[in-house]
PDB file of N, CA and C in Angstrom:
ATOM      1  N   MET A   1     137.258  87.222 101.988  1.00  0.00           N
ATOM      2  CA  MET A   1     136.544  86.117 101.167  1.00  0.00           C
ATOM      3  C   MET A   1     134.977  85.970 101.518  1.00  0.00           C
ATOM      4  N   GLY A   2     134.429  85.364 101.077  1.00  0.00           N
ATOM      5  CA  GLY A   2     132.973  84.864 100.678  1.00  0.00           C
ATOM      6  C   GLY A   2     132.129  83.737 101.691  1.00  0.00           C
ATOM      7  N   PHE A   3     131.569  83.593 101.491  1.00  0.00           N
ATOM      8  CA  PHE A   3     130.305  82.146 102.102  1.00  0.00           C
ATOM      9  C   PHE A   3     131.236  81.019 101.626  1.00  0.00           C
ATOM     10  N   GLY A   4     131.541  80.285 102.913  1.00  0.00           N
ATOM     11  CA  GLY A   4     132.344  78.690 103.210  1.00  0.00           C
ATOM     12  C   GLY A   4     133.247  79.030 101.868  1.00  0.00           C
ATOM     13  N   GLY A   5     133.818  80.420 101.507  1.00  0.00           N
ATOM     14  CA  GLY A   5     135.685  79.794 100.751  1.00  0.00           C
ATOM     15  C   GLY A   5     135.285  80.594  99.736  1.00  0.00           C
ATOM     16  N   ILE A   6     133.530  80.970  99.211  1.00  0.00           N
ATOM     17  CA  ILE A   6     133.401  80.694  98.285  1.00  0.00           C
ATOM     18  C   ILE A   6     133.277  83.183  97.873  1.00  0.00           C
ATOM     19  N   SER A   7     134.103  83.170  97.386  1.00  0.00           N
ATOM     20  CA  SER A   7     134.099  84.792  96.584  1.00  0.00           C
ATOM     21  C   SER A   7     132.529  85.310  97.022  1.00  0.00           C
ATOM     22  N   LEU A   8     132.972  86.661  96.856  1.00  0.00           N
ATOM     23  CA  LEU A   8     130.978  86.762  96.739  1.00  0.00           C
ATOM     24  C   LEU A   8     130.538  87.182  95.016  1.00  0.00           C
ATOM     25  N   SER A   9     131.867  87.432  94.202  1.00  0.00           N
ATOM     26  CA  SER A   9     131.669  87.244  93.063  1.00  0.00           C
ATOM     27  C   SER A   9     131.478  85.926  92.324  1.00  0.00           C
ATOM     28  N   SER A  10     132.072  84.884  93.132  1.00  0.00           N
ATOM     29  CA  SER A  10     131.063  83.835  92.134  1.00  0.00           C
ATOM     30  C   SER A  10     130.377  83.402  93.225  1.00  0.00           C
ATOM     31  N   LEU A  11     129.463  83.775  94.131  1.00  0.00           N
ATOM     32  CA  LEU A  11     128.735  83.594  94.637  1.00  0.00           C
ATOM     33  C   LEU A  11     127.477  84.189  93.523  1.00  0.00           C
ATOM     34  N   ILE A  12     127.670  85.101  93.396  1.00  0.00           N
ATOM     35  CA  ILE A  12     126.523  85.912  91.926  1.00  0.00           C
ATOM     36  C   ILE A  12     126.869  85.780  91.520  1.00  0.00           C
ATOM     37  N   ILE A  13     127.465  85.557  90.209  1.00  0.00           N
ATOM     38  CA  ILE A  13     127.785  84.488  89.081  1.00  0.00           C
ATOM     39  C   ILE A  13     126.886  83.111  89.581  1.00  0.00           C
ATOM     40  N   ILE A  14     127.020  82.293  90.735  1.00  0.00           N
ATOM     41  CA  ILE A  14     126.533  81.152  90.524  1.00  0.00           C
ATOM     42  C   ILE A  14     123.921  80.782  90.893  1.00  0.00           C
ATOM     43  N   LEU A  15     124.320  82.051  91.474  1.00  0.00           N
ATOM     44  CA  LEU A  15     122.981  82.433  91.301  1.00  0.00           C
ATOM     45  C   LEU A  15     122.514  83.096  90.027  1.00  0.00           C
ATOM     46  N   VAL A  16     123.408  83.944  89.604  1.00  0.00           N
ATOM     47  CA  VAL A  16     122.552  83.895  88.222  1.00  0.00           C
ATOM     48  C   VAL A  16     122.060  83.091  87.548  1.00  0.00           C
ATOM     49  N   ILE A  17     123.039  81.688  87.496  1.00  0.00           N
ATOM     50  CA  ILE A  17     123.082  80.899  86.827  1.00  0.00           C
ATOM     51  C   ILE A  17     121.464  80.162  87.315  1.00  0.00           C
ATOM     52  N   ILE A  18     121.718  80.308  88.024  1.00  0.00           N
ATOM     53  CA  ILE A  18     120.592  79.065  89.035  1.00  0.00           C
ATOM     54  C   ILE A  18     118.825  79.410  88.518  1.00  0.00           C
ATOM     55  N   LEU A  19     119.146  81.059  88.624  1.00  0.00           N
ATOM     56  CA  LEU A  19     117.702  81.589  88.269  1.00  0.00           C
ATOM     57  C   LEU A  19     117.521  81.610  86.734  1.00  0.00           C
ATOM     58  N   LEU A  20     118.473  81.339  85.996  1.00  0.00           N
ATOM     59  CA  LEU A  20     118.343  81.079  84.878  1.00  0.00           C
ATOM     60  C   LEU A  20     118.241  79.935  84.275  1.00  0.00           C
ATOM     61  N   LEU A  21     119.410  79.329  84.658  1.00  0.00           N
ATOM     62  CA  LEU A  21     118.386  78.036  84.353  1.00  0.00           C
ATOM     63  C   LEU A  21     116.425  77.339  84.651  1.00  0.00           C
ATOM     64  N   PHE A  22     116.931  77.573  86.339  1.00  0.00           N
ATOM     65  CA  PHE A  22     115.210  77.606  86.843  1.00  0.00           C
ATOM     66  C   PHE A  22     114.266  78.504  86.874  1.00  0.00           C
ATOM     67  N   GLY A  23     114.025  79.911  86.266  1.00  0.00           N
ATOM     68  CA  GLY A  23     113.814  80.584  86.102  1.00  0.00           C
ATOM     69  C   GLY A  23     112.634  81.316  88.286  1.00  0.00           C
ATOM     70  N   THR A  24     112.395  82.463  87.874  1.00  0.00           N
ATOM     71  CA  THR A  24     111.978  83.259  88.990  1.00  0.00           C
ATOM     72  C   THR A  24     110.960  82.110  89.602  1.00  0.00           C
ATOM     73  N   LYS A  25     109.405  81.559  88.510  1.00  0.00           N
ATOM     74  CA  LYS A  25     108.582  81.540  89.430  1.00  0.00           C
ATOM     75  C   LYS A  25     109.191  80.036  89.908  1.00  0.00           C
ATOM     76  N   ARG A  26     109.641  78.691  89.195  1.00  0.00           N
ATOM     77  CA  ARG A  26     110.183  77.396  89.910  1.00  0.00           C
ATOM     78  C   ARG A  26     111.296  77.854  91.181  1.00  0.00           C
ATOM     79  N   LEU A  27     112.227  78.770  90.889  1.00  0.00           N
ATOM     80  CA  LEU A  27     112.711  79.488  92.672  1.00  0.00           C
ATOM     81  C   LEU A  27     111.831  79.549  93.621  1.00  0.00           C
ATOM     82  N   LYS A  28     110.784  80.848  93.439  1.00  0.00           N
ATOM     83  CA  LYS A  28     109.501  81.249  94.695  1.00  0.00           C
ATOM     84  C   LYS A  28     109.059  79.093  95.051  1.00  0.00           C
ATOM     85  N   SER A  29     108.265  78.812  94.043  1.00  0.00           N
ATOM     86  CA  SER A  29     107.473  77.868  93.993  1.00  0.00           C
ATOM     87  C   SER A  29     108.886  76.353  95.377  1.00  0.00           C
ATOM     88  N   VAL A  30     109.858  76.585  94.870  1.00  0.00           N
ATOM     89  CA  VAL A  30     110.964  76.172  95.800  1.00  0.00           C
ATOM     90  C   VAL A  30     110.726  76.428  97.111  1.00  0.00           C
ATOM     91  N   GLY A  31     111.389  78.099  97.297  1.00  0.00           N
ATOM     92  CA  GLY A  31     111.372  78.162  98.305  1.00  0.00           C
ATOM     93  C   GLY A  31     110.264  78.735  99.461  1.00  0.00           C
ATOM     94  N   TRP A  32     109.343  78.214  98.957  1.00  0.00           N
ATOM     95  CA  TRP A  32     107.512  78.051  99.172  1.00  0.00           C
ATOM     96  C   TRP A  32     108.223  76.764 100.117  1.00  0.00           C
ATOM     97  N   ASP A  33     107.715  75.876  99.381  1.00  0.00           N
ATOM     98  CA  ASP A  33     107.572  74.246  99.485  1.00  0.00           C
ATOM     99  C   ASP A  33     109.032  74.604 101.337  1.00  0.00           C
ATOM    100  N   LEU A  34     109.906  74.496 100.691  1.00  0.00           N
ATOM    101  CA  LEU A  34     111.363  74.926 102.042  1.00  0.00           C
ATOM    102  C   LEU A  34     110.710  75.126 103.520  1.00  0.00           C
ATOM    103  N   GLY A  35     110.549  76.832 103.349  1.00  0.00           N
ATOM    104  CA  GLY A  35     109.753  77.244 104.234  1.00  0.00           C
ATOM    105  C   GLY A  35     108.038  76.321 104.927  1.00  0.00           C
ATOM    106  N   LYS A  36     107.629  75.760 104.148  1.00  0.00           N
ATOM    107  CA  LYS A  36     106.734  75.417 104.643  1.00  0.00           C
ATOM    108  C   LYS A  36     107.085  73.854 105.692  1.00  0.00           C
ATOM    109  N   ALA A  37     108.462  74.062 104.614  1.00  0.00           N
ATOM    110  CA  ALA A  37     108.585  72.129 105.739  1.00  0.00           C
ATOM    111  C   ALA A  37     109.581  73.073 106.428  1.00  0.00           C
ATOM    112  N   LEU A  38     110.372  73.770 106.586  1.00  0.00           N
ATOM    113  CA  LEU A  38     111.267  74.600 108.349  1.00  0.00           C
ATOM    114  C   LEU A  38     109.399  74.259 109.201  1.00  0.00           C
ATOM    115  N   LYS A  39     109.175  75.126 108.558  1.00  0.00           N
ATOM    116  CA  LYS A  39     107.911  75.109 109.945  1.00  0.00           C
ATOM    117  C   LYS A  39     107.084  73.532 110.156  1.00  0.00           C
ATOM    118  N   GLY A  40     106.520  73.379 109.584  1.00  0.00           N
ATOM    119  CA  GLY A  40     106.181  72.164 110.201  1.00  0.00           C
ATOM    120  C   GLY A  40     107.312  71.371 110.794  1.00  0.00           C
ATOM    121  N   PHE A  41     108.624  70.881 110.735  1.00  0.00           N
ATOM    122  CA  PHE A  41     109.786  70.559 111.133  1.00  0.00           C
ATOM    123  C   PHE A  41     109.670  70.941 112.845  1.00  0.00           C
ATOM    124  N   LYS A  42     109.394  72.851 112.452  1.00  0.00           N
ATOM    125  CA  LYS A  42     109.893  73.328 113.253  1.00  0.00           C
ATOM    126  C   LYS A  42     108.297  73.127 114.735  1.00  0.00           C
ATOM    127  N   LYS A  43     107.740  73.331 114.548  1.00  0.00           N
ATOM    128  CA  LYS A  43     105.838  72.750 114.571  1.00  0.00           C
ATOM    129  C   LYS A  43     106.337  70.757 115.496  1.00  0.00           C
ATOM    130  N   ALA A  44     106.345  70.111 114.884  1.00  0.00           N
ATOM    131  CA  ALA A  44     106.968  69.189 115.359  1.00  0.00           C
ATOM    132  C   ALA A  44     107.857  69.093 116.649  1.00  0.00           C
ATOM    133  N   ILE A  45     108.785  69.632 116.436  1.00  0.00           N
ATOM    134  CA  ILE A  45     109.582  70.006 117.600  1.00  0.00           C
ATOM    135  C   ILE A  45     109.339  70.438 118.610  1.00  0.00           C
ATOM    136  N   GLN A  46     108.322  71.574 118.596  1.00  0.00           N
ATOM    137  CA  GLN A  46     107.371  72.413 119.674  1.00  0.00           C
ATOM    138  C   GLN A  46     106.769  71.361 120.051  1.00  0.00           C
ATOM    139  N   ASP A  47     105.455  70.153 119.514  1.00  0.00           N
ATOM    140  CA  ASP A  47     104.466  69.674 119.719  1.00  0.00           C
ATOM    141  C   ASP A  47     104.925  68.560 121.003  1.00  0.00           C
ATOM    142  N   ASP A  48     106.385  68.235 120.601  1.00  0.00           N
ATOM    143  CA  ASP A  48     107.593  67.028 121.131  1.00  0.00           C
ATOM    144  C   ASP A  48     108.554  66.690 122.455  1.00  0.00           C
ATOM    145  N   GLU A  49     108.389  68.531 122.484  1.00  0.00           N
ATOM    146  CA  GLU A  49     109.400  69.044 123.512  1.00  0.00           C
ATOM    147  C   GLU A  49     107.262  69.334 124.767  1.00  0.00           C
ATOM    148  N   ASP A  50     106.938  69.848 124.475  1.00  0.00           N
ATOM    149  CA  ASP A  50     105.031  69.590 125.051  1.00  0.00           C
ATOM    150  C   ASP A  50     104.561  69.080 125.309  1.00  0.00           C
ATOM    151  N   LYS A  51     105.296  67.407 124.864  1.00  0.00           N
ATOM    152  CA  LYS A  51     104.330  66.071 125.343  1.00  0.00           C
ATOM    153  C   LYS A  51     105.534  65.414 126.279  1.00  0.00           C
ATOM    154  N   LYS A  52     107.243  66.068 125.680  1.00  0.00           N
ATOM    155  CA  LYS A  52     108.229  65.874 127.163  1.00  0.00           C
ATOM    156  C   LYS A  52     107.987  66.624 128.313  1.00  0.00           C
ATOM    157  N   LYS A  53     107.342  67.824 129.057  1.00  0.00           N
ATOM    158  CA  LYS A  53     106.858  68.145 129.292  1.00  0.00           C
ATOM    159  C   LYS A  53     105.928  67.980 130.122  1.00  0.00           C
ATOM    160  N   GLU A  54     104.937  67.386 129.799  1.00  0.00           N
ATOM    161  CA  GLU A  54     103.240  66.980 130.216  1.00  0.00           C
ATOM    162  C   GLU A  54     103.825  64.981 131.244  1.00  0.00           C
ATOM    163  N   LYS A  55     104.729  65.109 130.796  1.00  0.00           N
ATOM    164  CA  LYS A  55     105.186  63.475 131.197  1.00  0.00           C
ATOM    165  C   LYS A  55     105.367  63.684 132.692  1.00  0.00           C
ATOM    166  N   LYS A  56     106.370  64.597 132.625  1.00  0.00           N
ATOM    167  CA  LYS A  56     107.264  65.000 133.892  1.00  0.00           C
ATOM    168  C   LYS A  56     105.842  65.191 135.156  1.00  0.00           C
TER     169      LYS A  56
END
């Protein structure tokens, strides 16, 4: 059993199809944007926690 009830071979086939549909440049761009969004989200959470600590 693989990831979330999907076998490893099925997961590889799905990833290959996605790669063929979108191409490597678009996937790289999506990954880059997702990484920046997660980094911004983490920074916002950290800033919020810092503000809460300052108020105490």
